């Protein structure tokens, strides 16, 4: 998403949390559903454009710096060294 690519993702684990409303999701055990979504994204320029736009915004929620800061804060809380 950060590089301007539409995201099609499995609906398992935390992937929907990361992709948010910017991605299309499929059941990881359903190859036909994945193929259908791939064709849909490849043939629908409006959908693709919308996914790229929303994906860019969604990806900004998950920067390396923000993630590192959250992890550091968590460690500090667990170790009892937080401010």
PDB file of N, CA and C in Angstrom:
ATOM      1  N   UNK A   1       0.828  -1.197   0.000  1.00  0.00           N
ATOM      2  CA  UNK A   1       0.000   0.000   0.000  1.00  0.00           C
ATOM      3  C   UNK A   1       0.867   1.254   0.000  1.00  0.00           C
ATOM      4  N   UNK A   2       1.956   1.229   0.745  1.00  0.00           N
ATOM      5  CA  UNK A   2       2.818   2.405   0.830  1.00  0.00           C
ATOM      6  C   UNK A   2       3.460   2.738  -0.511  1.00  0.00           C
ATOM      7  N   UNK A   3       3.576   1.745  -1.380  1.00  0.00           N
ATOM      8  CA  UNK A   3       4.193   1.996  -2.684  1.00  0.00           C
ATOM      9  C   UNK A   3       3.163   2.203  -3.790  1.00  0.00           C
ATOM     10  N   UNK A   4       1.896   2.375  -3.410  1.00  0.00           N
ATOM     11  CA  UNK A   4       0.861   2.656  -4.393  1.00  0.00           C
ATOM     12  C   UNK A   4       0.317   1.438  -5.102  1.00  0.00           C
ATOM     13  N   UNK A   5       0.337   0.308  -4.436  1.00  0.00           N
ATOM     14  CA  UNK A   5      -0.160  -0.934  -5.010  1.00  0.00           C
ATOM     15  C   UNK A   5      -1.456  -1.337  -4.312  1.00  0.00           C
ATOM     16  N   UNK A   6      -2.498  -1.677  -5.058  1.00  0.00           N
ATOM     17  CA  UNK A   6      -3.727  -2.161  -4.422  1.00  0.00           C
ATOM     18  C   UNK A   6      -3.435  -3.446  -3.646  1.00  0.00           C
ATOM     19  N   UNK A   7      -4.062  -3.586  -2.508  1.00  0.00           N
ATOM     20  CA  UNK A   7      -3.813  -4.745  -1.655  1.00  0.00           C
ATOM     21  C   UNK A   7      -5.000  -5.705  -1.666  1.00  0.00           C
ATOM     22  N   UNK A   8      -4.711  -6.945  -1.996  1.00  0.00           N
ATOM     23  CA  UNK A   8      -5.654  -8.047  -1.840  1.00  0.00           C
ATOM     24  C   UNK A   8      -5.036  -8.951  -0.795  1.00  0.00           C
ATOM     25  N   UNK A   9      -5.753  -9.213   0.277  1.00  0.00           N
ATOM     26  CA  UNK A   9      -5.167  -9.890   1.423  1.00  0.00           C
ATOM     27  C   UNK A   9      -6.078 -10.979   1.965  1.00  0.00           C
ATOM     28  N   UNK A  10      -5.468 -11.941   2.599  1.00  0.00           N
ATOM     29  CA  UNK A  10      -6.222 -12.925   3.355  1.00  0.00           C
ATOM     30  C   UNK A  10      -6.970 -12.216   4.477  1.00  0.00           C
ATOM     31  N   UNK A  11      -8.084 -12.766   4.870  1.00  0.00           N
ATOM     32  CA  UNK A  11      -8.868 -12.172   5.958  1.00  0.00           C
ATOM     33  C   UNK A  11      -8.491 -12.775   7.311  1.00  0.00           C
ATOM     34  N   UNK A  12      -7.341 -13.387   7.398  1.00  0.00           N
ATOM     35  CA  UNK A  12      -6.895 -14.068   8.615  1.00  0.00           C
ATOM     36  C   UNK A  12      -6.014 -13.173   9.477  1.00  0.00           C
ATOM     37  N   UNK A  13      -5.923 -13.545  10.732  1.00  0.00           N
ATOM     38  CA  UNK A  13      -5.051 -12.907  11.730  1.00  0.00           C
ATOM     39  C   UNK A  13      -5.289 -11.398  11.782  1.00  0.00           C
ATOM     40  N   UNK A  14      -4.208 -10.638  11.821  1.00  0.00           N
ATOM     41  CA  UNK A  14      -4.332  -9.176  11.956  1.00  0.00           C
ATOM     42  C   UNK A  14      -4.302  -8.454  10.618  1.00  0.00           C
ATOM     43  N   UNK A  15      -4.313  -9.185   9.519  1.00  0.00           N
ATOM     44  CA  UNK A  15      -4.215  -8.548   8.201  1.00  0.00           C
ATOM     45  C   UNK A  15      -5.351  -7.561   7.928  1.00  0.00           C
ATOM     46  N   UNK A  16      -6.609  -7.870   8.269  1.00  0.00           N
ATOM     47  CA  UNK A  16      -7.668  -6.863   8.063  1.00  0.00           C
ATOM     48  C   UNK A  16      -7.462  -5.596   8.899  1.00  0.00           C
ATOM     49  N   UNK A  17      -6.847  -5.738  10.055  1.00  0.00           N
ATOM     50  CA  UNK A  17      -6.569  -4.566  10.879  1.00  0.00           C
ATOM     51  C   UNK A  17      -5.558  -3.658  10.181  1.00  0.00           C
ATOM     52  N   UNK A  18      -4.575  -4.258   9.561  1.00  0.00           N
ATOM     53  CA  UNK A  18      -3.546  -3.473   8.880  1.00  0.00           C
ATOM     54  C   UNK A  18      -4.084  -2.872   7.580  1.00  0.00           C
ATOM     55  N   UNK A  19      -4.796  -3.662   6.803  1.00  0.00           N
ATOM     56  CA  UNK A  19      -5.313  -3.175   5.523  1.00  0.00           C
ATOM     57  C   UNK A  19      -6.494  -2.246   5.648  1.00  0.00           C
ATOM     58  N   UNK A  20      -7.252  -2.390   6.738  1.00  0.00           N
ATOM     59  CA  UNK A  20      -8.416  -1.535   6.946  1.00  0.00           C
ATOM     60  C   UNK A  20      -9.386  -1.594   5.779  1.00  0.00           C
ATOM     61  N   UNK A  21      -9.982  -0.463   5.468  1.00  0.00           N
ATOM     62  CA  UNK A  21     -10.936  -0.373   4.359  1.00  0.00           C
ATOM     63  C   UNK A  21     -10.247  -0.196   3.007  1.00  0.00           C
ATOM     64  N   UNK A  22      -8.921  -0.180   3.013  1.00  0.00           N
ATOM     65  CA  UNK A  22      -8.175   0.072   1.779  1.00  0.00           C
ATOM     66  C   UNK A  22      -7.917  -1.197   0.971  1.00  0.00           C
ATOM     67  N   UNK A  23      -8.191  -2.354   1.540  1.00  0.00           N
ATOM     68  CA  UNK A  23      -7.869  -3.622   0.881  1.00  0.00           C
ATOM     69  C   UNK A  23      -9.136  -4.418   0.586  1.00  0.00           C
ATOM     70  N   UNK A  24      -8.980  -5.397  -0.295  1.00  0.00           N
ATOM     71  CA  UNK A  24     -10.017  -6.397  -0.520  1.00  0.00           C
ATOM     72  C   UNK A  24      -9.533  -7.681   0.142  1.00  0.00           C
ATOM     73  N   UNK A  25     -10.445  -8.425   0.731  1.00  0.00           N
ATOM     74  CA  UNK A  25     -10.064  -9.607   1.515  1.00  0.00           C
ATOM     75  C   UNK A  25     -10.702 -10.869   0.956  1.00  0.00           C
ATOM     76  N   UNK A  26      -9.992 -11.978   1.138  1.00  0.00           N
ATOM     77  CA  UNK A  26     -10.473 -13.275   0.690  1.00  0.00           C
ATOM     78  C   UNK A  26     -10.160 -14.325   1.751  1.00  0.00           C
ATOM     79  N   UNK A  27     -10.905 -15.406   1.718  1.00  0.00           N
ATOM     80  CA  UNK A  27     -10.655 -16.552   2.585  1.00  0.00           C
ATOM     81  C   UNK A  27      -9.412 -17.262   2.056  1.00  0.00           C
ATOM     82  N   UNK A  28      -8.427 -17.464   2.896  1.00  0.00           N
ATOM     83  CA  UNK A  28      -7.153 -18.058   2.479  1.00  0.00           C
ATOM     84  C   UNK A  28      -7.305 -19.462   1.911  1.00  0.00           C
ATOM     85  N   UNK A  29      -8.413 -20.101   2.168  1.00  0.00           N
ATOM     86  CA  UNK A  29      -8.636 -21.446   1.646  1.00  0.00           C
ATOM     87  C   UNK A  29      -9.467 -21.450   0.365  1.00  0.00           C
ATOM     88  N   UNK A  30      -9.739 -20.269  -0.183  1.00  0.00           N
ATOM     89  CA  UNK A  30     -10.600 -20.160  -1.349  1.00  0.00           C
ATOM     90  C   UNK A  30      -9.857 -19.509  -2.515  1.00  0.00           C
ATOM     91  N   UNK A  31      -9.211 -20.331  -3.334  1.00  0.00           N
ATOM     92  CA  UNK A  31      -8.427 -19.831  -4.464  1.00  0.00           C
ATOM     93  C   UNK A  31      -9.307 -19.134  -5.498  1.00  0.00           C
ATOM     94  N   UNK A  32     -10.529 -19.594  -5.668  1.00  0.00           N
ATOM     95  CA  UNK A  32     -11.433 -18.961  -6.634  1.00  0.00           C
ATOM     96  C   UNK A  32     -11.779 -17.534  -6.221  1.00  0.00           C
ATOM     97  N   UNK A  33     -11.946 -17.336  -4.939  1.00  0.00           N
ATOM     98  CA  UNK A  33     -12.249 -15.998  -4.439  1.00  0.00           C
ATOM     99  C   UNK A  33     -11.055 -15.070  -4.682  1.00  0.00           C
ATOM    100  N   UNK A  34      -9.847 -15.552  -4.430  1.00  0.00           N
ATOM    101  CA  UNK A  34      -8.650 -14.766  -4.695  1.00  0.00           C
ATOM    102  C   UNK A  34      -8.565 -14.415  -6.179  1.00  0.00           C
ATOM    103  N   UNK A  35      -8.780 -15.381  -7.038  1.00  0.00           N
ATOM    104  CA  UNK A  35      -8.721 -15.143  -8.485  1.00  0.00           C
ATOM    105  C   UNK A  35      -9.765 -14.107  -8.908  1.00  0.00           C
ATOM    106  N   UNK A  36     -10.963 -14.201  -8.352  1.00  0.00           N
ATOM    107  CA  UNK A  36     -12.035 -13.250  -8.681  1.00  0.00           C
ATOM    108  C   UNK A  36     -11.636 -11.836  -8.288  1.00  0.00           C
ATOM    109  N   UNK A  37     -11.032 -11.682  -7.110  1.00  0.00           N
ATOM    110  CA  UNK A  37     -10.603 -10.354  -6.665  1.00  0.00           C
ATOM    111  C   UNK A  37      -9.460  -9.822  -7.522  1.00  0.00           C
ATOM    112  N   UNK A  38      -8.552 -10.686  -7.917  1.00  0.00           N
ATOM    113  CA  UNK A  38      -7.442 -10.263  -8.776  1.00  0.00           C
ATOM    114  C   UNK A  38      -7.963  -9.746 -10.110  1.00  0.00           C
ATOM    115  N   UNK A  39      -8.915 -10.476 -10.681  1.00  0.00           N
ATOM    116  CA  UNK A  39      -9.511 -10.046 -11.951  1.00  0.00           C
ATOM    117  C   UNK A  39     -10.256  -8.728 -11.767  1.00  0.00           C
ATOM    118  N   UNK A  40     -10.967  -8.608 -10.669  1.00  0.00           N
ATOM    119  CA  UNK A  40     -11.721  -7.384 -10.408  1.00  0.00           C
ATOM    120  C   UNK A  40     -10.801  -6.168 -10.323  1.00  0.00           C
ATOM    121  N   UNK A  41      -9.713  -6.288  -9.583  1.00  0.00           N
ATOM    122  CA  UNK A  41      -8.770  -5.170  -9.449  1.00  0.00           C
ATOM    123  C   UNK A  41      -8.092  -4.873 -10.792  1.00  0.00           C
ATOM    124  N   UNK A  42      -7.759  -5.919 -11.544  1.00  0.00           N
ATOM    125  CA  UNK A  42      -7.070  -5.734 -12.827  1.00  0.00           C
ATOM    126  C   UNK A  42      -7.963  -5.095 -13.884  1.00  0.00           C
ATOM    127  N   UNK A  43      -9.274  -5.278 -13.774  1.00  0.00           N
ATOM    128  CA  UNK A  43     -10.178  -4.802 -14.824  1.00  0.00           C
ATOM    129  C   UNK A  43     -11.021  -3.590 -14.442  1.00  0.00           C
ATOM    130  N   UNK A  44     -10.894  -3.119 -13.223  1.00  0.00           N
ATOM    131  CA  UNK A  44     -11.696  -1.987 -12.765  1.00  0.00           C
ATOM    132  C   UNK A  44     -10.779  -0.825 -12.377  1.00  0.00           C
ATOM    133  N   UNK A  45     -10.478   0.077 -13.316  1.00  0.00           N
ATOM    134  CA  UNK A  45      -9.548   1.168 -13.025  1.00  0.00           C
ATOM    135  C   UNK A  45     -10.019   2.094 -11.899  1.00  0.00           C
ATOM    136  N   UNK A  46     -11.332   2.290 -11.783  1.00  0.00           N
ATOM    137  CA  UNK A  46     -11.853   3.152 -10.713  1.00  0.00           C
ATOM    138  C   UNK A  46     -11.607   2.516  -9.347  1.00  0.00           C
ATOM    139  N   UNK A  47     -11.875   1.220  -9.223  1.00  0.00           N
ATOM    140  CA  UNK A  47     -11.617   0.509  -7.975  1.00  0.00           C
ATOM    141  C   UNK A  47     -10.132   0.562  -7.641  1.00  0.00           C
ATOM    142  N   UNK A  48      -9.300   0.292  -8.626  1.00  0.00           N
ATOM    143  CA  UNK A  48      -7.852   0.287  -8.427  1.00  0.00           C
ATOM    144  C   UNK A  48      -7.380   1.651  -7.934  1.00  0.00           C
ATOM    145  N   UNK A  49      -7.856   2.711  -8.551  1.00  0.00           N
ATOM    146  CA  UNK A  49      -7.481   4.065  -8.147  1.00  0.00           C
ATOM    147  C   UNK A  49      -7.913   4.363  -6.718  1.00  0.00           C
ATOM    148  N   UNK A  50      -9.132   3.959  -6.382  1.00  0.00           N
ATOM    149  CA  UNK A  50      -9.652   4.158  -5.026  1.00  0.00           C
ATOM    150  C   UNK A  50      -8.814   3.381  -4.011  1.00  0.00           C
ATOM    151  N   UNK A  51      -8.447   2.143  -4.346  1.00  0.00           N
ATOM    152  CA  UNK A  51      -7.647   1.325  -3.433  1.00  0.00           C
ATOM    153  C   UNK A  51      -6.260   1.925  -3.217  1.00  0.00           C
ATOM    154  N   UNK A  52      -5.663   2.449  -4.273  1.00  0.00           N
ATOM    155  CA  UNK A  52      -4.341   3.071  -4.156  1.00  0.00           C
ATOM    156  C   UNK A  52      -4.431   4.297  -3.255  1.00  0.00           C
ATOM    157  N   UNK A  53      -5.430   5.125  -3.470  1.00  0.00           N
ATOM    158  CA  UNK A  53      -5.609   6.332  -2.664  1.00  0.00           C
ATOM    159  C   UNK A  53      -5.833   5.990  -1.191  1.00  0.00           C
ATOM    160  N   UNK A  54      -6.757   5.087  -0.929  1.00  0.00           N
ATOM    161  CA  UNK A  54      -7.039   4.691   0.458  1.00  0.00           C
ATOM    162  C   UNK A  54      -5.857   3.955   1.072  1.00  0.00           C
ATOM    163  N   UNK A  55      -5.155   3.183   0.269  1.00  0.00           N
ATOM    164  CA  UNK A  55      -4.008   2.433   0.766  1.00  0.00           C
ATOM    165  C   UNK A  55      -2.871   3.328   1.211  1.00  0.00           C
ATOM    166  N   UNK A  56      -2.656   4.409   0.482  1.00  0.00           N
ATOM    167  CA  UNK A  56      -1.612   5.354   0.857  1.00  0.00           C
ATOM    168  C   UNK A  56      -1.905   5.953   2.229  1.00  0.00           C
ATOM    169  N   UNK A  57      -3.161   6.312   2.450  1.00  0.00           N
ATOM    170  CA  UNK A  57      -3.566   6.866   3.744  1.00  0.00           C
ATOM    171  C   UNK A  57      -3.440   5.807   4.840  1.00  0.00           C
ATOM    172  N   UNK A  58      -3.903   4.600   4.569  1.00  0.00           N
ATOM    173  CA  UNK A  58      -3.860   3.523   5.556  1.00  0.00           C
ATOM    174  C   UNK A  58      -2.413   3.174   5.916  1.00  0.00           C
ATOM    175  N   UNK A  59      -1.537   3.130   4.945  1.00  0.00           N
ATOM    176  CA  UNK A  59      -0.140   2.764   5.192  1.00  0.00           C
ATOM    177  C   UNK A  59       0.553   3.764   6.116  1.00  0.00           C
ATOM    178  N   UNK A  60       0.124   5.009   6.089  1.00  0.00           N
ATOM    179  CA  UNK A  60       0.732   6.029   6.952  1.00  0.00           C
ATOM    180  C   UNK A  60       0.468   5.764   8.430  1.00  0.00           C
ATOM    181  N   UNK A  61      -0.508   4.921   8.721  1.00  0.00           N
ATOM    182  CA  UNK A  61      -0.805   4.565  10.114  1.00  0.00           C
ATOM    183  C   UNK A  61       0.196   3.565  10.665  1.00  0.00           C
ATOM    184  N   UNK A  62       1.042   3.005   9.803  1.00  0.00           N
ATOM    185  CA  UNK A  62       1.935   1.931  10.205  1.00  0.00           C
ATOM    186  C   UNK A  62       3.379   2.205   9.784  1.00  0.00           C
ATOM    187  N   UNK A  63       3.901   3.363  10.169  1.00  0.00           N
ATOM    188  CA  UNK A  63       5.289   3.677   9.831  1.00  0.00           C
ATOM    189  C   UNK A  63       6.235   2.937  10.779  1.00  0.00           C
ATOM    190  N   UNK A  64       7.462   2.763  10.330  1.00  0.00           N
ATOM    191  CA  UNK A  64       8.460   2.100  11.170  1.00  0.00           C
ATOM    192  C   UNK A  64       8.697   2.874  12.456  1.00  0.00           C
ATOM    193  N   UNK A  65       8.795   4.190  12.357  1.00  0.00           N
ATOM    194  CA  UNK A  65       9.051   5.016  13.531  1.00  0.00           C
ATOM    195  C   UNK A  65       7.920   4.897  14.550  1.00  0.00           C
ATOM    196  N   UNK A  66       6.680   4.948  14.094  1.00  0.00           N
ATOM    197  CA  UNK A  66       5.544   4.810  15.011  1.00  0.00           C
ATOM    198  C   UNK A  66       5.527   3.436  15.657  1.00  0.00           C
ATOM    199  N   UNK A  67       5.772   2.418  14.869  1.00  0.00           N
ATOM    200  CA  UNK A  67       5.786   1.056  15.411  1.00  0.00           C
ATOM    201  C   UNK A  67       6.888   0.896  16.450  1.00  0.00           C
ATOM    202  N   UNK A  68       8.075   1.402  16.163  1.00  0.00           N
ATOM    203  CA  UNK A  68       9.183   1.309  17.113  1.00  0.00           C
ATOM    204  C   UNK A  68       8.855   2.046  18.408  1.00  0.00           C
ATOM    205  N   UNK A  69       8.229   3.214  18.285  1.00  0.00           N
ATOM    206  CA  UNK A  69       7.871   3.981  19.483  1.00  0.00           C
ATOM    207  C   UNK A  69       6.841   3.228  20.329  1.00  0.00           C
ATOM    208  N   UNK A  70       5.846   2.622  19.675  1.00  0.00           N
ATOM    209  CA  UNK A  70       4.839   1.853  20.416  1.00  0.00           C
ATOM    210  C   UNK A  70       5.461   0.648  21.119  1.00  0.00           C
ATOM    211  N   UNK A  71       6.375  -0.020  20.449  1.00  0.00           N
ATOM    212  CA  UNK A  71       7.037  -1.181  21.051  1.00  0.00           C
ATOM    213  C   UNK A  71       7.885  -0.738  22.238  1.00  0.00           C
ATOM    214  N   UNK A  72       8.635   0.352  22.082  1.00  0.00           N
ATOM    215  CA  UNK A  72       9.439   0.877  23.178  1.00  0.00           C
ATOM    216  C   UNK A  72       8.558   1.233  24.369  1.00  0.00           C
ATOM    217  N   UNK A  73       7.436   1.902  24.116  1.00  0.00           N
ATOM    218  CA  UNK A  73       6.513   2.257  25.202  1.00  0.00           C
ATOM    219  C   UNK A  73       5.980   1.022  25.905  1.00  0.00           C
ATOM    220  N   UNK A  74       5.683  -0.014  25.149  1.00  0.00           N
ATOM    221  CA  UNK A  74       5.199  -1.252  25.741  1.00  0.00           C
ATOM    222  C   UNK A  74       6.263  -1.881  26.627  1.00  0.00           C
ATOM    223  N   UNK A  75       7.498  -1.946  26.132  1.00  0.00           N
ATOM    224  CA  UNK A  75       8.598  -2.495  26.938  1.00  0.00           C
ATOM    225  C   UNK A  75       8.774  -1.694  28.225  1.00  0.00           C
ATOM    226  N   UNK A  76       8.713  -0.384  28.116  1.00  0.00           N
ATOM    227  CA  UNK A  76       8.874   0.456  29.307  1.00  0.00           C
ATOM    228  C   UNK A  76       7.760   0.197  30.315  1.00  0.00           C
ATOM    229  N   UNK A  77       6.540  -0.001  29.847  1.00  0.00           N
ATOM    230  CA  UNK A  77       5.425  -0.306  30.747  1.00  0.00           C
ATOM    231  C   UNK A  77       5.622  -1.648  31.427  1.00  0.00           C
ATOM    232  N   UNK A  78       6.010  -2.635  30.657  1.00  0.00           N
ATOM    233  CA  UNK A  78       6.200  -3.992  31.201  1.00  0.00           C
ATOM    234  C   UNK A  78       7.347  -4.001  32.209  1.00  0.00           C
ATOM    235  N   UNK A  79       8.415  -3.264  31.921  1.00  0.00           N
ATOM    236  CA  UNK A  79       9.581  -3.236  32.800  1.00  0.00           C
ATOM    237  C   UNK A  79       9.414  -2.237  33.947  1.00  0.00           C
ATOM    238  N   UNK A  80       8.347  -1.457  33.909  1.00  0.00           N
ATOM    239  CA  UNK A  80       8.100  -0.487  34.976  1.00  0.00           C
ATOM    240  C   UNK A  80       8.987   0.734  34.894  1.00  0.00           C
ATOM    241  N   UNK A  81       9.473   1.056  33.703  1.00  0.00           N
ATOM    242  CA  UNK A  81      10.338   2.220  33.555  1.00  0.00           C
ATOM    243  C   UNK A  81       9.655   3.366  32.818  1.00  0.00           C
ATOM    244  N   UNK A  82       8.359   3.242  32.574  1.00  0.00           N
ATOM    245  CA  UNK A  82       7.626   4.290  31.851  1.00  0.00           C
ATOM    246  C   UNK A  82       7.528   5.530  32.699  1.00  0.00           C
ATOM    247  N   UNK A  83       7.460   6.694  32.053  1.00  0.00           N
ATOM    248  CA  UNK A  83       7.347   7.974  32.771  1.00  0.00           C
ATOM    249  C   UNK A  83       6.094   8.071  33.575  1.00  0.00           C
TER     250      UNK A  83
END
